[in-house]
Amino acid sequence: MAKKMKSLLPKRIGKVKIGKSTRKGALADFLTSKAGLALIAEAVMAAGTLTAVKLKDNPRVRGAVATAKTKSVKAGHDAREAISYAVGEAVRSFSSALHRLPADRAPVADAPVWSPLKPAPAPKSTKPRTRRTTPAGAPPA
């Protein structure tokens, strides 16, 4: 016997009761489809935009937006700088390795040599494993 799927819509949204026929009917099927989810996403974006328009004159909101903008610009600059440095070092290292003579490419005795990681040993059991034996002809327990 197949178990009936529970509705994806809650009984209440924002203290407003949603009727059973709405939750389990054609509207619920539409809202849980890809087109319905896109519609919901657009509605949420529109509500956010309206809220932002209303709050844009609030000085606390302006300060928070300015702080976030400054921090994101600084973080982006720092990330660009770090990536640029890392790529430059990689190119320099690769280039110098290509331009070395084959005799110079031999590993140095003091230099660390790469080796693959060894697998971790299996954990030891604290008590020995024993088999339970039953006498011949006895019914299994």
C-alpha atoms as a PDB file:
ATOM      1  CA  MET A   1       0.000   0.000   0.000  1.00  0.00           C
ATOM      2  CA  ALA A   2       1.531   3.299  -1.069  1.00  0.00           C
ATOM      3  CA  LYS A   3       1.891   6.041   1.494  1.00  0.00           C
ATOM      4  CA  LYS A   4       0.124   9.256   0.543  1.00  0.00           C
ATOM      5  CA  MET A   5       2.460  12.218   0.051  1.00  0.00           C
ATOM      6  CA  LYS A   6       2.102  15.018   2.562  1.00  0.00           C
ATOM      7  CA  SER A   7       1.345  18.493   1.239  1.00  0.00           C
ATOM      8  CA  LEU A   8       4.320  20.811   0.832  1.00  0.00           C
ATOM      9  CA  LEU A   9       2.319  23.852   1.861  1.00  0.00           C
ATOM     10  CA  PRO A  10       1.882  24.539   5.604  1.00  0.00           C
ATOM     11  CA  LYS A  11      -1.504  24.941   7.288  1.00  0.00           C
ATOM     12  CA  ARG A  12      -0.683  28.526   8.232  1.00  0.00           C
ATOM     13  CA  ILE A  13       1.442  31.159   6.502  1.00  0.00           C
ATOM     14  CA  GLY A  14       2.032  34.313   8.517  1.00  0.00           C
ATOM     15  CA  LYS A  15      -0.830  33.572  10.946  1.00  0.00           C
ATOM     16  CA  VAL A  16      -3.238  33.150   8.022  1.00  0.00           C
ATOM     17  CA  LYS A  17      -4.901  29.751   7.771  1.00  0.00           C
ATOM     18  CA  ILE A  18      -4.625  28.059   4.376  1.00  0.00           C
ATOM     19  CA  GLY A  19      -7.617  25.872   3.563  1.00  0.00           C
ATOM     20  CA  LYS A  20      -7.253  22.163   2.921  1.00  0.00           C
ATOM     21  CA  SER A  21      -8.627  22.452  -0.604  1.00  0.00           C
ATOM     22  CA  THR A  22      -5.973  25.084  -1.394  1.00  0.00           C
ATOM     23  CA  ARG A  23      -3.128  23.134   0.228  1.00  0.00           C
ATOM     24  CA  LYS A  24      -3.957  19.871  -1.523  1.00  0.00           C
ATOM     25  CA  GLY A  25      -5.557  21.110  -4.733  1.00  0.00           C
ATOM     26  CA  ALA A  26      -4.444  22.353  -8.132  1.00  0.00           C
ATOM     27  CA  LEU A  27      -2.963  25.567  -6.688  1.00  0.00           C
ATOM     28  CA  ALA A  28      -0.606  23.561  -4.482  1.00  0.00           C
ATOM     29  CA  ASP A  29       0.453  21.479  -7.482  1.00  0.00           C
ATOM     30  CA  PHE A  30       1.196  24.660  -9.412  1.00  0.00           C
ATOM     31  CA  LEU A  31       3.110  26.302  -6.550  1.00  0.00           C
ATOM     32  CA  THR A  32       5.318  23.225  -6.098  1.00  0.00           C
ATOM     33  CA  SER A  33       6.126  23.026  -9.828  1.00  0.00           C
ATOM     34  CA  LYS A  34       9.128  24.794 -11.383  1.00  0.00           C
ATOM     35  CA  ALA A  35       6.966  27.600 -12.735  1.00  0.00           C
ATOM     36  CA  GLY A  36       5.307  28.043  -9.341  1.00  0.00           C
ATOM     37  CA  LEU A  37       8.666  28.165  -7.566  1.00  0.00           C
ATOM     38  CA  ALA A  38       9.842  30.801 -10.061  1.00  0.00           C
ATOM     39  CA  LEU A  39       6.690  32.803  -9.353  1.00  0.00           C
ATOM     40  CA  ILE A  40       7.295  32.589  -5.609  1.00  0.00           C
ATOM     41  CA  ALA A  41      10.920  33.663  -6.058  1.00  0.00           C
ATOM     42  CA  GLU A  42       9.852  36.685  -8.098  1.00  0.00           C
ATOM     43  CA  ALA A  43       7.262  37.617  -5.474  1.00  0.00           C
ATOM     44  CA  VAL A  44       9.874  37.436  -2.714  1.00  0.00           C
ATOM     45  CA  MET A  45      12.264  39.578  -4.764  1.00  0.00           C
ATOM     46  CA  ALA A  46       9.508  42.131  -5.394  1.00  0.00           C
ATOM     47  CA  ALA A  47       8.688  42.264  -1.681  1.00  0.00           C
ATOM     48  CA  GLY A  48      12.362  42.745  -0.862  1.00  0.00           C
ATOM     49  CA  THR A  49      12.646  45.536  -3.417  1.00  0.00           C
ATOM     50  CA  LEU A  50       9.603  47.319  -1.991  1.00  0.00           C
ATOM     51  CA  THR A  51      11.031  47.015   1.513  1.00  0.00           C
ATOM     52  CA  ALA A  52      14.389  48.359   0.352  1.00  0.00           C
ATOM     53  CA  VAL A  53      12.708  51.332  -1.341  1.00  0.00           C
ATOM     54  CA  LYS A  54      10.847  52.151   1.865  1.00  0.00           C
ATOM     55  CA  LEU A  55      13.955  51.770   4.052  1.00  0.00           C
ATOM     56  CA  LYS A  56      16.467  53.546   1.800  1.00  0.00           C
ATOM     57  CA  ASP A  57      15.949  56.867   3.627  1.00  0.00           C
ATOM     58  CA  ASN A  58      16.599  55.324   7.046  1.00  0.00           C
ATOM     59  CA  PRO A  59      20.043  56.487   8.315  1.00  0.00           C
ATOM     60  CA  ARG A  60      20.788  53.172  10.046  1.00  0.00           C
ATOM     61  CA  VAL A  61      20.151  51.278   6.817  1.00  0.00           C
ATOM     62  CA  ARG A  62      22.326  53.708   4.858  1.00  0.00           C
ATOM     63  CA  GLY A  63      25.165  53.223   7.352  1.00  0.00           C
ATOM     64  CA  ALA A  64      24.880  49.440   7.187  1.00  0.00           C
ATOM     65  CA  VAL A  65      24.868  49.485   3.376  1.00  0.00           C
ATOM     66  CA  ALA A  66      27.902  51.812   3.271  1.00  0.00           C
ATOM     67  CA  THR A  67      29.813  49.604   5.730  1.00  0.00           C
ATOM     68  CA  ALA A  68      28.973  46.438   3.791  1.00  0.00           C
ATOM     69  CA  LYS A  69      30.009  48.080   0.525  1.00  0.00           C
ATOM     70  CA  THR A  70      33.343  49.248   1.958  1.00  0.00           C
ATOM     71  CA  LYS A  71      34.117  45.844   3.468  1.00  0.00           C
ATOM     72  CA  SER A  72      33.191  43.961   0.296  1.00  0.00           C
ATOM     73  CA  VAL A  73      35.370  46.232  -1.852  1.00  0.00           C
ATOM     74  CA  LYS A  74      38.307  45.746   0.549  1.00  0.00           C
ATOM     75  CA  ALA A  75      37.783  41.961   0.648  1.00  0.00           C
ATOM     76  CA  GLY A  76      37.614  41.822  -3.139  1.00  0.00           C
ATOM     77  CA  HIS A  77      40.824  43.847  -3.435  1.00  0.00           C
ATOM     78  CA  ASP A  78      42.614  41.616  -0.906  1.00  0.00           C
ATOM     79  CA  ALA A  79      41.452  38.472  -2.704  1.00  0.00           C
ATOM     80  CA  ARG A  80      42.582  39.803  -6.092  1.00  0.00           C
ATOM     81  CA  GLU A  81      45.957  40.711  -4.616  1.00  0.00           C
ATOM     82  CA  ALA A  82      46.407  37.273  -3.015  1.00  0.00           C
ATOM     83  CA  ILE A  83      45.420  35.418  -6.190  1.00  0.00           C
ATOM     84  CA  SER A  84      47.692  37.604  -8.300  1.00  0.00           C
ATOM     85  CA  TYR A  85      50.625  36.935  -5.968  1.00  0.00           C
ATOM     86  CA  ALA A  86      49.969  33.163  -5.909  1.00  0.00           C
ATOM     87  CA  VAL A  87      49.695  32.925  -9.698  1.00  0.00           C
ATOM     88  CA  GLY A  88      52.864  35.005 -10.130  1.00  0.00           C
ATOM     89  CA  GLU A  89      54.802  32.753  -7.746  1.00  0.00           C
ATOM     90  CA  ALA A  90      53.529  29.631  -9.507  1.00  0.00           C
ATOM     91  CA  VAL A  91      54.573  30.975 -12.907  1.00  0.00           C
ATOM     92  CA  ARG A  92      58.008  31.976 -11.584  1.00  0.00           C
ATOM     93  CA  SER A  93      58.543  28.564 -10.001  1.00  0.00           C
ATOM     94  CA  PHE A  94      57.400  26.693 -13.113  1.00  0.00           C
ATOM     95  CA  SER A  95      59.527  28.867 -15.374  1.00  0.00           C
ATOM     96  CA  SER A  96      62.654  28.413 -13.265  1.00  0.00           C
ATOM     97  CA  ALA A  97      62.087  24.630 -13.175  1.00  0.00           C
ATOM     98  CA  LEU A  98      61.867  24.552 -16.966  1.00  0.00           C
ATOM     99  CA  HIS A  99      65.037  26.596 -17.426  1.00  0.00           C
ATOM    100  CA  ARG A 100      67.210  24.505 -15.085  1.00  0.00           C
ATOM    101  CA  LEU A 101      69.666  22.025 -16.576  1.00  0.00           C
ATOM    102  CA  PRO A 102      68.756  18.328 -16.264  1.00  0.00           C
ATOM    103  CA  ALA A 103      71.705  17.765 -13.895  1.00  0.00           C
ATOM    104  CA  ASP A 104      70.315  20.509 -11.645  1.00  0.00           C
ATOM    105  CA  ARG A 105      66.935  18.788 -11.503  1.00  0.00           C
ATOM    106  CA  ALA A 106      68.218  15.834  -9.460  1.00  0.00           C
ATOM    107  CA  PRO A 107      66.765  15.835  -5.935  1.00  0.00           C
ATOM    108  CA  VAL A 108      68.934  17.402  -3.267  1.00  0.00           C
ATOM    109  CA  ALA A 109      69.811  15.159  -0.320  1.00  0.00           C
ATOM    110  CA  ASP A 110      68.567  17.689   2.271  1.00  0.00           C
ATOM    111  CA  ALA A 111      65.390  18.611   0.403  1.00  0.00           C
ATOM    112  CA  PRO A 112      62.161  16.938   1.477  1.00  0.00           C
ATOM    113  CA  VAL A 113      60.995  14.328  -0.993  1.00  0.00           C
ATOM    114  CA  TRP A 114      57.327  13.838  -1.774  1.00  0.00           C
ATOM    115  CA  SER A 115      55.904  10.498  -0.843  1.00  0.00           C
ATOM    116  CA  PRO A 116      52.298   9.340  -0.871  1.00  0.00           C
ATOM    117  CA  LEU A 117      50.431   9.143   2.405  1.00  0.00           C
ATOM    118  CA  LYS A 118      50.311   5.736   4.005  1.00  0.00           C
ATOM    119  CA  PRO A 119      46.852   4.491   4.898  1.00  0.00           C
ATOM    120  CA  ALA A 120      45.963   4.688   8.562  1.00  0.00           C
ATOM    121  CA  PRO A 121      46.209   1.373  10.407  1.00  0.00           C
ATOM    122  CA  ALA A 122      42.935  -0.357  11.190  1.00  0.00           C
ATOM    123  CA  PRO A 123      41.765   0.169  14.773  1.00  0.00           C
ATOM    124  CA  LYS A 124      42.592  -2.718  17.088  1.00  0.00           C
ATOM    125  CA  SER A 125      39.723  -4.492  18.730  1.00  0.00           C
ATOM    126  CA  THR A 126      39.886  -4.455  22.531  1.00  0.00           C
ATOM    127  CA  LYS A 127      38.337  -7.865  23.077  1.00  0.00           C
ATOM    128  CA  PRO A 128      38.916 -11.026  21.049  1.00  0.00           C
ATOM    129  CA  ARG A 129      36.169 -12.205  18.744  1.00  0.00           C
ATOM    130  CA  THR A 130      34.700 -15.558  19.645  1.00  0.00           C
ATOM    131  CA  ARG A 131      32.330 -17.751  17.725  1.00  0.00           C
ATOM    132  CA  ARG A 132      29.230 -19.014  19.374  1.00  0.00           C
ATOM    133  CA  THR A 133      28.986 -22.722  18.910  1.00  0.00           C
ATOM    134  CA  THR A 134      25.859 -24.800  19.297  1.00  0.00           C
ATOM    135  CA  PRO A 135      25.911 -28.521  19.889  1.00  0.00           C
ATOM    136  CA  ALA A 136      25.143 -30.668  16.867  1.00  0.00           C
ATOM    137  CA  GLY A 137      21.460 -31.403  16.490  1.00  0.00           C
ATOM    138  CA  ALA A 138      20.385 -28.539  18.738  1.00  0.00           C
ATOM    139  CA  PRO A 139      17.862 -26.104  17.249  1.00  0.00           C
ATOM    140  CA  PRO A 140      19.301 -22.674  16.443  1.00  0.00           C
ATOM    141  CA  ALA A 141      18.412 -19.976  18.937  1.00  0.00           C
END
